Amino acid sequence: MTVALAKRDPAPRGEDTRQRLIEAALKMFGEYGFEGTSTRTLAEAAGANLAAIPYHFGSKEGLYRAAAEFIVENTGGELSPVLNKIELALVGKKLSRREATALLHELLERFSAIVIGSEFADTFASFIMREQLQPGAAFEILHRGMMRRLTESCAKMLAIALGRRGDDPRTLIRTQTLLGQILVFRTSKASVFRQLGWREFSKEQIKMIQSIVHENVDRIIAADQ
């Protein structure tokens, strides 16, 4: 499954400038970081007047935060259906191991479609990776608005599937390894393409990756029974 941003209706001129500044911010902050990116560079990359940054965002930091919020808004919208489903399933009933495993598979399949198959991921990957390595104000926005909900849902489903406590360190580490096996196809894309001889992630190739992620989850759960 390939996830792409929905096409927007033609925007008013001011909104178009704001959007171009956010897209420039994702790219420039991702490449050079907050301190290494000037407002002039951002304006030039967006094809906008320098005064457009304080007009739309108040400051460079306001634009930096808006870029993080833009990622949360778009990725959150793609993940929310399955996250809502998991949270609803946990209310008022005890999930069986089989039910939790099925929901875990569904969550990881959706996450992989976004991380690997989404064209939007090309624009935000460097931004997120830099925030992971050098956390700033944007990291808190990303974590609060997207990462925490994803990791907590994943950990809860895995804990039930394994019959373990949700705060068990081994379960939490396993959660990160499950997500990491997907993230590596984005963070190490060049190496993946070189080794496999791929030029892009086609629908068939994404399905192959998802099937192996599915197998790995089942092996982890089976080995702990």
C-alpha atoms as a PDB file:
ATOM      1  CA  MET A   1       0.000   0.000   0.000  1.00  0.00           C
ATOM      2  CA  THR A   2       1.395   3.366  -0.991  1.00  0.00           C
ATOM      3  CA  VAL A   3       0.366   6.353   1.066  1.00  0.00           C
ATOM      4  CA  ALA A   4       0.454   9.820  -0.454  1.00  0.00           C
ATOM      5  CA  LEU A   5      -0.814  13.173   0.656  1.00  0.00           C
ATOM      6  CA  ALA A   6      -4.197  14.074  -0.691  1.00  0.00           C
ATOM      7  CA  LYS A   7      -4.147  16.720  -3.370  1.00  0.00           C
ATOM      8  CA  ARG A   8      -5.098  20.101  -2.016  1.00  0.00           C
ATOM      9  CA  ASP A   9      -7.474  22.525  -3.621  1.00  0.00           C
ATOM     10  CA  PRO A  10      -5.792  25.630  -5.033  1.00  0.00           C
ATOM     11  CA  ALA A  11      -4.819  27.775  -2.054  1.00  0.00           C
ATOM     12  CA  PRO A  12      -4.968  31.525  -1.665  1.00  0.00           C
ATOM     13  CA  ARG A  13      -1.660  33.267  -2.320  1.00  0.00           C
ATOM     14  CA  GLY A  14      -0.882  33.770   1.374  1.00  0.00           C
ATOM     15  CA  GLU A  15      -1.600  30.155   2.209  1.00  0.00           C
ATOM     16  CA  ASP A  16       0.516  29.008  -0.721  1.00  0.00           C
ATOM     17  CA  THR A  17       3.466  31.034   0.584  1.00  0.00           C
ATOM     18  CA  ARG A  18       2.988  29.571   4.063  1.00  0.00           C
ATOM     19  CA  GLN A  19       2.974  26.049   2.652  1.00  0.00           C
ATOM     20  CA  ARG A  20       6.112  26.649   0.600  1.00  0.00           C
ATOM     21  CA  LEU A  21       7.889  27.942   3.690  1.00  0.00           C
ATOM     22  CA  ILE A  22       6.950  24.813   5.632  1.00  0.00           C
ATOM     23  CA  GLU A  23       8.200  22.572   2.830  1.00  0.00           C
ATOM     24  CA  ALA A  24      11.434  24.564   2.677  1.00  0.00           C
ATOM     25  CA  ALA A  25      11.764  24.270   6.460  1.00  0.00           C
ATOM     26  CA  LEU A  26      11.409  20.485   6.354  1.00  0.00           C
ATOM     27  CA  LYS A  27      14.212  20.296   3.820  1.00  0.00           C
ATOM     28  CA  MET A  28      16.591  22.927   5.179  1.00  0.00           C
ATOM     29  CA  PHE A  29      16.221  22.127   8.884  1.00  0.00           C
ATOM     30  CA  GLY A  30      16.531  18.450   8.004  1.00  0.00           C
ATOM     31  CA  GLU A  31      19.809  19.047   6.185  1.00  0.00           C
ATOM     32  CA  TYR A  32      21.420  21.768   8.298  1.00  0.00           C
ATOM     33  CA  GLY A  33      19.581  21.827  11.621  1.00  0.00           C
ATOM     34  CA  PHE A  34      17.981  24.784  13.339  1.00  0.00           C
ATOM     35  CA  GLU A  35      21.175  26.691  14.082  1.00  0.00           C
ATOM     36  CA  GLY A  36      22.665  25.999  10.669  1.00  0.00           C
ATOM     37  CA  THR A  37      19.698  27.394   8.745  1.00  0.00           C
ATOM     38  CA  SER A  38      19.164  31.129   8.331  1.00  0.00           C
ATOM     39  CA  THR A  39      15.860  32.862   7.685  1.00  0.00           C
ATOM     40  CA  ARG A  40      17.310  34.182   4.434  1.00  0.00           C
ATOM     41  CA  THR A  41      18.102  30.635   3.289  1.00  0.00           C
ATOM     42  CA  LEU A  42      14.596  29.517   4.185  1.00  0.00           C
ATOM     43  CA  ALA A  43      12.983  32.390   2.319  1.00  0.00           C
ATOM     44  CA  GLU A  44      15.132  31.805  -0.763  1.00  0.00           C
ATOM     45  CA  ALA A  45      14.373  28.067  -0.755  1.00  0.00           C
ATOM     46  CA  ALA A  46      10.658  28.848  -0.566  1.00  0.00           C
ATOM     47  CA  GLY A  47      10.811  31.593  -3.175  1.00  0.00           C
ATOM     48  CA  ALA A  48       9.313  33.954  -0.622  1.00  0.00           C
ATOM     49  CA  ASN A  49      10.022  37.394   0.755  1.00  0.00           C
ATOM     50  CA  LEU A  50      12.094  37.392   3.962  1.00  0.00           C
ATOM     51  CA  ALA A  51       9.289  39.221   5.747  1.00  0.00           C
ATOM     52  CA  ALA A  52       6.960  36.282   5.068  1.00  0.00           C
ATOM     53  CA  ILE A  53       8.513  34.256   7.900  1.00  0.00           C
ATOM     54  CA  PRO A  54       7.638  36.652  10.750  1.00  0.00           C
ATOM     55  CA  TYR A  55       4.321  37.418   9.047  1.00  0.00           C
ATOM     56  CA  HIS A  56       3.182  33.776   8.948  1.00  0.00           C
ATOM     57  CA  PHE A  57       5.112  32.218  11.857  1.00  0.00           C
ATOM     58  CA  GLY A  58       6.401  35.025  14.076  1.00  0.00           C
ATOM     59  CA  SER A  59      10.010  33.862  13.900  1.00  0.00           C
ATOM     60  CA  LYS A  60      12.368  31.178  12.620  1.00  0.00           C
ATOM     61  CA  GLU A  61      11.519  29.066  15.670  1.00  0.00           C
ATOM     62  CA  GLY A  62       7.835  29.467  14.888  1.00  0.00           C
ATOM     63  CA  LEU A  63       8.465  28.074  11.408  1.00  0.00           C
ATOM     64  CA  TYR A  64      10.567  25.267  12.901  1.00  0.00           C
ATOM     65  CA  ARG A  65       7.698  24.294  15.198  1.00  0.00           C
ATOM     66  CA  ALA A  66       5.155  24.600  12.380  1.00  0.00           C
ATOM     67  CA  ALA A  67       7.195  22.139  10.303  1.00  0.00           C
ATOM     68  CA  ALA A  68       7.058  19.590  13.125  1.00  0.00           C
ATOM     69  CA  GLU A  69       3.314  20.158  13.562  1.00  0.00           C
ATOM     70  CA  PHE A  70       2.849  19.647   9.816  1.00  0.00           C
ATOM     71  CA  ILE A  71       4.496  16.212  10.072  1.00  0.00           C
ATOM     72  CA  VAL A  72       2.308  15.282  13.033  1.00  0.00           C
ATOM     73  CA  GLU A  73      -0.845  16.424  11.253  1.00  0.00           C
ATOM     74  CA  ASN A  74      -0.149  14.407   8.117  1.00  0.00           C
ATOM     75  CA  THR A  75       1.343  11.220   9.556  1.00  0.00           C
ATOM     76  CA  GLY A  76      -1.085  11.273  12.468  1.00  0.00           C
ATOM     77  CA  GLY A  77      -3.989  11.375  10.083  1.00  0.00           C
ATOM     78  CA  GLU A  78      -2.692   8.249   8.360  1.00  0.00           C
ATOM     79  CA  LEU A  79      -2.028   6.344  11.591  1.00  0.00           C
ATOM     80  CA  SER A  80      -5.052   7.472  13.590  1.00  0.00           C
ATOM     81  CA  PRO A  81      -7.579   4.906  12.252  1.00  0.00           C
ATOM     82  CA  VAL A  82      -5.583   1.914  13.485  1.00  0.00           C
ATOM     83  CA  LEU A  83      -4.430   3.685  16.673  1.00  0.00           C
ATOM     84  CA  ASN A  84      -8.038   4.584  17.458  1.00  0.00           C
ATOM     85  CA  LYS A  85      -9.011   0.972  16.817  1.00  0.00           C
ATOM     86  CA  ILE A  86      -6.385  -0.273  19.273  1.00  0.00           C
ATOM     87  CA  GLU A  87      -7.317   2.236  21.966  1.00  0.00           C
ATOM     88  CA  LEU A  88     -11.009   1.411  21.586  1.00  0.00           C
ATOM     89  CA  ALA A  89     -10.279  -2.315  21.783  1.00  0.00           C
ATOM     90  CA  LEU A  90      -8.565  -1.798  25.133  1.00  0.00           C
ATOM     91  CA  VAL A  91     -11.617  -0.151  26.683  1.00  0.00           C
ATOM     92  CA  GLY A  92     -13.885  -2.395  28.706  1.00  0.00           C
ATOM     93  CA  LYS A  93     -12.500  -5.755  27.597  1.00  0.00           C
ATOM     94  CA  LYS A  94      -9.485  -7.997  27.871  1.00  0.00           C
ATOM     95  CA  LEU A  95      -7.922  -8.688  24.511  1.00  0.00           C
ATOM     96  CA  SER A  96      -6.800 -12.199  23.711  1.00  0.00           C
ATOM     97  CA  ARG A  97      -3.258 -12.840  22.520  1.00  0.00           C
ATOM     98  CA  ARG A  98      -4.604 -13.578  19.059  1.00  0.00           C
ATOM     99  CA  GLU A  99      -6.561 -10.297  18.918  1.00  0.00           C
ATOM    100  CA  ALA A 100      -3.569  -8.286  20.119  1.00  0.00           C
ATOM    101  CA  THR A 101      -1.298  -9.951  17.554  1.00  0.00           C
ATOM    102  CA  ALA A 102      -3.737  -9.146  14.739  1.00  0.00           C
ATOM    103  CA  LEU A 103      -3.898  -5.493  15.799  1.00  0.00           C
ATOM    104  CA  LEU A 104      -0.104  -5.343  16.072  1.00  0.00           C
ATOM    105  CA  HIS A 105       0.212  -6.661  12.524  1.00  0.00           C
ATOM    106  CA  GLU A 106      -2.292  -4.077  11.307  1.00  0.00           C
ATOM    107  CA  LEU A 107      -0.437  -1.239  13.045  1.00  0.00           C
ATOM    108  CA  LEU A 108       2.963  -2.246  11.665  1.00  0.00           C
ATOM    109  CA  GLU A 109       1.572  -2.715   8.173  1.00  0.00           C
ATOM    110  CA  ARG A 110       0.127   0.788   8.243  1.00  0.00           C
ATOM    111  CA  PHE A 111       3.294   2.256   9.724  1.00  0.00           C
ATOM    112  CA  SER A 112       5.449   0.607   7.065  1.00  0.00           C
ATOM    113  CA  ALA A 113       3.182   1.912   4.301  1.00  0.00           C
ATOM    114  CA  ILE A 114       3.734   5.452   5.574  1.00  0.00           C
ATOM    115  CA  VAL A 115       7.458   5.208   6.300  1.00  0.00           C
ATOM    116  CA  ILE A 116       8.444   3.260   3.202  1.00  0.00           C
ATOM    117  CA  GLY A 117       5.720   3.866   0.649  1.00  0.00           C
ATOM    118  CA  SER A 118       4.685   7.456   1.239  1.00  0.00           C
ATOM    119  CA  GLU A 119       6.072  10.166  -1.045  1.00  0.00           C
ATOM    120  CA  PHE A 120       5.628  12.535   1.893  1.00  0.00           C
ATOM    121  CA  ALA A 121       8.230  10.538   3.849  1.00  0.00           C
ATOM    122  CA  ASP A 122      10.894  11.786   1.446  1.00  0.00           C
ATOM    123  CA  THR A 123      10.283  15.323   2.686  1.00  0.00           C
ATOM    124  CA  PHE A 124      10.202  14.682   6.437  1.00  0.00           C
ATOM    125  CA  ALA A 125      12.651  11.793   6.988  1.00  0.00           C
ATOM    126  CA  SER A 126      15.787  13.945   7.367  1.00  0.00           C
ATOM    127  CA  PHE A 127      13.941  16.370   9.664  1.00  0.00           C
ATOM    128  CA  ILE A 128      12.879  13.550  12.014  1.00  0.00           C
ATOM    129  CA  MET A 129      16.278  11.821  11.929  1.00  0.00           C
ATOM    130  CA  ARG A 130      18.049  15.040  12.884  1.00  0.00           C
ATOM    131  CA  GLU A 131      15.630  15.572  15.771  1.00  0.00           C
ATOM    132  CA  GLN A 132      16.336  12.034  16.972  1.00  0.00           C
ATOM    133  CA  LEU A 133      20.077  12.713  16.966  1.00  0.00           C
ATOM    134  CA  GLN A 134      19.889  16.279  18.257  1.00  0.00           C
ATOM    135  CA  PRO A 135      16.530  16.721  20.032  1.00  0.00           C
ATOM    136  CA  GLY A 136      15.125  20.238  20.087  1.00  0.00           C
ATOM    137  CA  ALA A 137      11.733  21.823  20.522  1.00  0.00           C
ATOM    138  CA  ALA A 138      10.519  20.064  17.376  1.00  0.00           C
ATOM    139  CA  PHE A 139      11.301  16.663  18.894  1.00  0.00           C
ATOM    140  CA  GLU A 140       8.893  17.330  21.750  1.00  0.00           C
ATOM    141  CA  ILE A 141       6.162  18.180  19.236  1.00  0.00           C
ATOM    142  CA  LEU A 142       6.879  15.034  17.209  1.00  0.00           C
ATOM    143  CA  HIS A 143       7.027  12.809  20.283  1.00  0.00           C
ATOM    144  CA  ARG A 144       3.927  14.212  21.932  1.00  0.00           C
ATOM    145  CA  GLY A 145       1.899  14.327  18.735  1.00  0.00           C
ATOM    146  CA  MET A 146       2.967  11.099  17.026  1.00  0.00           C
ATOM    147  CA  MET A 147       5.786   8.964  18.423  1.00  0.00           C
ATOM    148  CA  ARG A 148       4.493   8.393  21.937  1.00  0.00           C
ATOM    149  CA  ARG A 149       1.085   7.189  20.809  1.00  0.00           C
ATOM    150  CA  LEU A 150       2.639   4.871  18.217  1.00  0.00           C
ATOM    151  CA  THR A 151       5.182   3.294  20.572  1.00  0.00           C
ATOM    152  CA  GLU A 152       2.701   2.933  23.434  1.00  0.00           C
ATOM    153  CA  SER A 153       0.119   1.211  21.230  1.00  0.00           C
ATOM    154  CA  CYS A 154       2.747  -1.069  19.774  1.00  0.00           C
ATOM    155  CA  ALA A 155       4.094  -1.954  23.231  1.00  0.00           C
ATOM    156  CA  LYS A 156       0.642  -2.669  24.654  1.00  0.00           C
ATOM    157  CA  MET A 157      -0.283  -5.033  21.822  1.00  0.00           C
ATOM    158  CA  LEU A 158       3.067  -6.791  21.996  1.00  0.00           C
ATOM    159  CA  ALA A 159       2.813  -7.153  25.783  1.00  0.00           C
ATOM    160  CA  ILE A 160      -0.594  -8.806  25.512  1.00  0.00           C
ATOM    161  CA  ALA A 161       0.586 -11.060  22.675  1.00  0.00           C
ATOM    162  CA  LEU A 162       3.561 -12.137  24.798  1.00  0.00           C
ATOM    163  CA  GLY A 163       1.641 -12.364  28.043  1.00  0.00           C
ATOM    164  CA  ARG A 164       3.950  -9.853  29.684  1.00  0.00           C
ATOM    165  CA  ARG A 165       3.669  -6.547  31.509  1.00  0.00           C
ATOM    166  CA  GLY A 166       3.498  -3.457  29.334  1.00  0.00           C
ATOM    167  CA  ASP A 167       6.377  -1.819  31.226  1.00  0.00           C
ATOM    168  CA  ASP A 168       8.653  -4.861  31.043  1.00  0.00           C
ATOM    169  CA  PRO A 169      12.022  -3.604  29.680  1.00  0.00           C
ATOM    170  CA  ARG A 170      12.379  -6.579  27.338  1.00  0.00           C
ATOM    171  CA  THR A 171       8.953  -5.846  25.876  1.00  0.00           C
ATOM    172  CA  LEU A 172       9.824  -2.184  25.378  1.00  0.00           C
ATOM    173  CA  ILE A 173      13.114  -3.092  23.692  1.00  0.00           C
ATOM    174  CA  ARG A 174      11.300  -5.549  21.448  1.00  0.00           C
ATOM    175  CA  THR A 175       8.865  -2.757  20.569  1.00  0.00           C
ATOM    176  CA  GLN A 176      11.718  -0.581  19.379  1.00  0.00           C
ATOM    177  CA  THR A 177      13.198  -3.437  17.349  1.00  0.00           C
ATOM    178  CA  LEU A 178       9.849  -4.044  15.646  1.00  0.00           C
ATOM    179  CA  LEU A 179       9.599  -0.396  14.647  1.00  0.00           C
ATOM    180  CA  GLY A 180      13.299  -0.246  13.808  1.00  0.00           C
ATOM    181  CA  GLN A 181      13.067  -3.046  11.261  1.00  0.00           C
ATOM    182  CA  ILE A 182      10.718  -0.766   9.309  1.00  0.00           C
ATOM    183  CA  LEU A 183      12.560   2.499   9.887  1.00  0.00           C
ATOM    184  CA  VAL A 184      15.813   1.061   8.530  1.00  0.00           C
ATOM    185  CA  PHE A 185      14.318   1.001   5.033  1.00  0.00           C
ATOM    186  CA  ARG A 186      14.002   4.780   5.263  1.00  0.00           C
ATOM    187  CA  THR A 187      17.117   5.692   7.263  1.00  0.00           C
ATOM    188  CA  SER A 188      19.372   3.336   5.258  1.00  0.00           C
ATOM    189  CA  LYS A 189      17.557   3.553   1.940  1.00  0.00           C
ATOM    190  CA  ALA A 190      20.741   4.007  -0.108  1.00  0.00           C
ATOM    191  CA  SER A 191      22.293   0.845   1.350  1.00  0.00           C
ATOM    192  CA  VAL A 192      19.072  -1.103   0.876  1.00  0.00           C
ATOM    193  CA  PHE A 193      18.832  -0.073  -2.769  1.00  0.00           C
ATOM    194  CA  ARG A 194      22.506  -0.870  -3.375  1.00  0.00           C
ATOM    195  CA  GLN A 195      22.290  -4.345  -1.850  1.00  0.00           C
ATOM    196  CA  LEU A 196      18.986  -5.324  -3.451  1.00  0.00           C
ATOM    197  CA  GLY A 197      19.552  -3.578  -6.760  1.00  0.00           C
ATOM    198  CA  TRP A 198      16.357  -1.558  -6.379  1.00  0.00           C
ATOM    199  CA  ARG A 199      15.735   1.958  -7.674  1.00  0.00           C
ATOM    200  CA  GLU A 200      12.514   2.593  -5.756  1.00  0.00           C
ATOM    201  CA  PHE A 201      10.081   0.949  -3.376  1.00  0.00           C
ATOM    202  CA  SER A 202       7.444  -0.496  -5.681  1.00  0.00           C
ATOM    203  CA  LYS A 203       4.117  -1.817  -4.421  1.00  0.00           C
ATOM    204  CA  GLU A 204       5.377  -5.374  -4.781  1.00  0.00           C
ATOM    205  CA  GLN A 205       8.592  -4.623  -2.903  1.00  0.00           C
ATOM    206  CA  ILE A 206       6.708  -2.921  -0.068  1.00  0.00           C
ATOM    207  CA  LYS A 207       4.417  -5.940   0.212  1.00  0.00           C
ATOM    208  CA  MET A 208       7.503  -8.184   0.415  1.00  0.00           C
ATOM    209  CA  ILE A 209       8.944  -6.062   3.239  1.00  0.00           C
ATOM    210  CA  GLN A 210       5.608  -6.090   5.056  1.00  0.00           C
ATOM    211  CA  SER A 211       5.367  -9.883   4.778  1.00  0.00           C
ATOM    212  CA  ILE A 212       8.826 -10.284   6.333  1.00  0.00           C
ATOM    213  CA  VAL A 213       7.944  -7.843   9.131  1.00  0.00           C
ATOM    214  CA  HIS A 214       4.829  -9.970   9.709  1.00  0.00           C
ATOM    215  CA  GLU A 215       6.970 -13.122   9.902  1.00  0.00           C
ATOM    216  CA  ASN A 216       9.420 -11.500  12.304  1.00  0.00           C
ATOM    217  CA  VAL A 217       6.609 -10.457  14.652  1.00  0.00           C
ATOM    218  CA  ASP A 218       5.208 -13.986  14.679  1.00  0.00           C
ATOM    219  CA  ARG A 219       8.651 -15.452  15.386  1.00  0.00           C
ATOM    220  CA  ILE A 220       9.229 -13.105  18.323  1.00  0.00           C
ATOM    221  CA  ILE A 221       5.861 -13.982  19.802  1.00  0.00           C
ATOM    222  CA  ALA A 222       6.222 -17.729  19.179  1.00  0.00           C
ATOM    223  CA  ALA A 223       9.704 -17.823  20.712  1.00  0.00           C
ATOM    224  CA  ASP A 224       8.394 -16.359  23.970  1.00  0.00           C
ATOM    225  CA  GLN A 225       5.461 -18.739  24.427  1.00  0.00           C
END
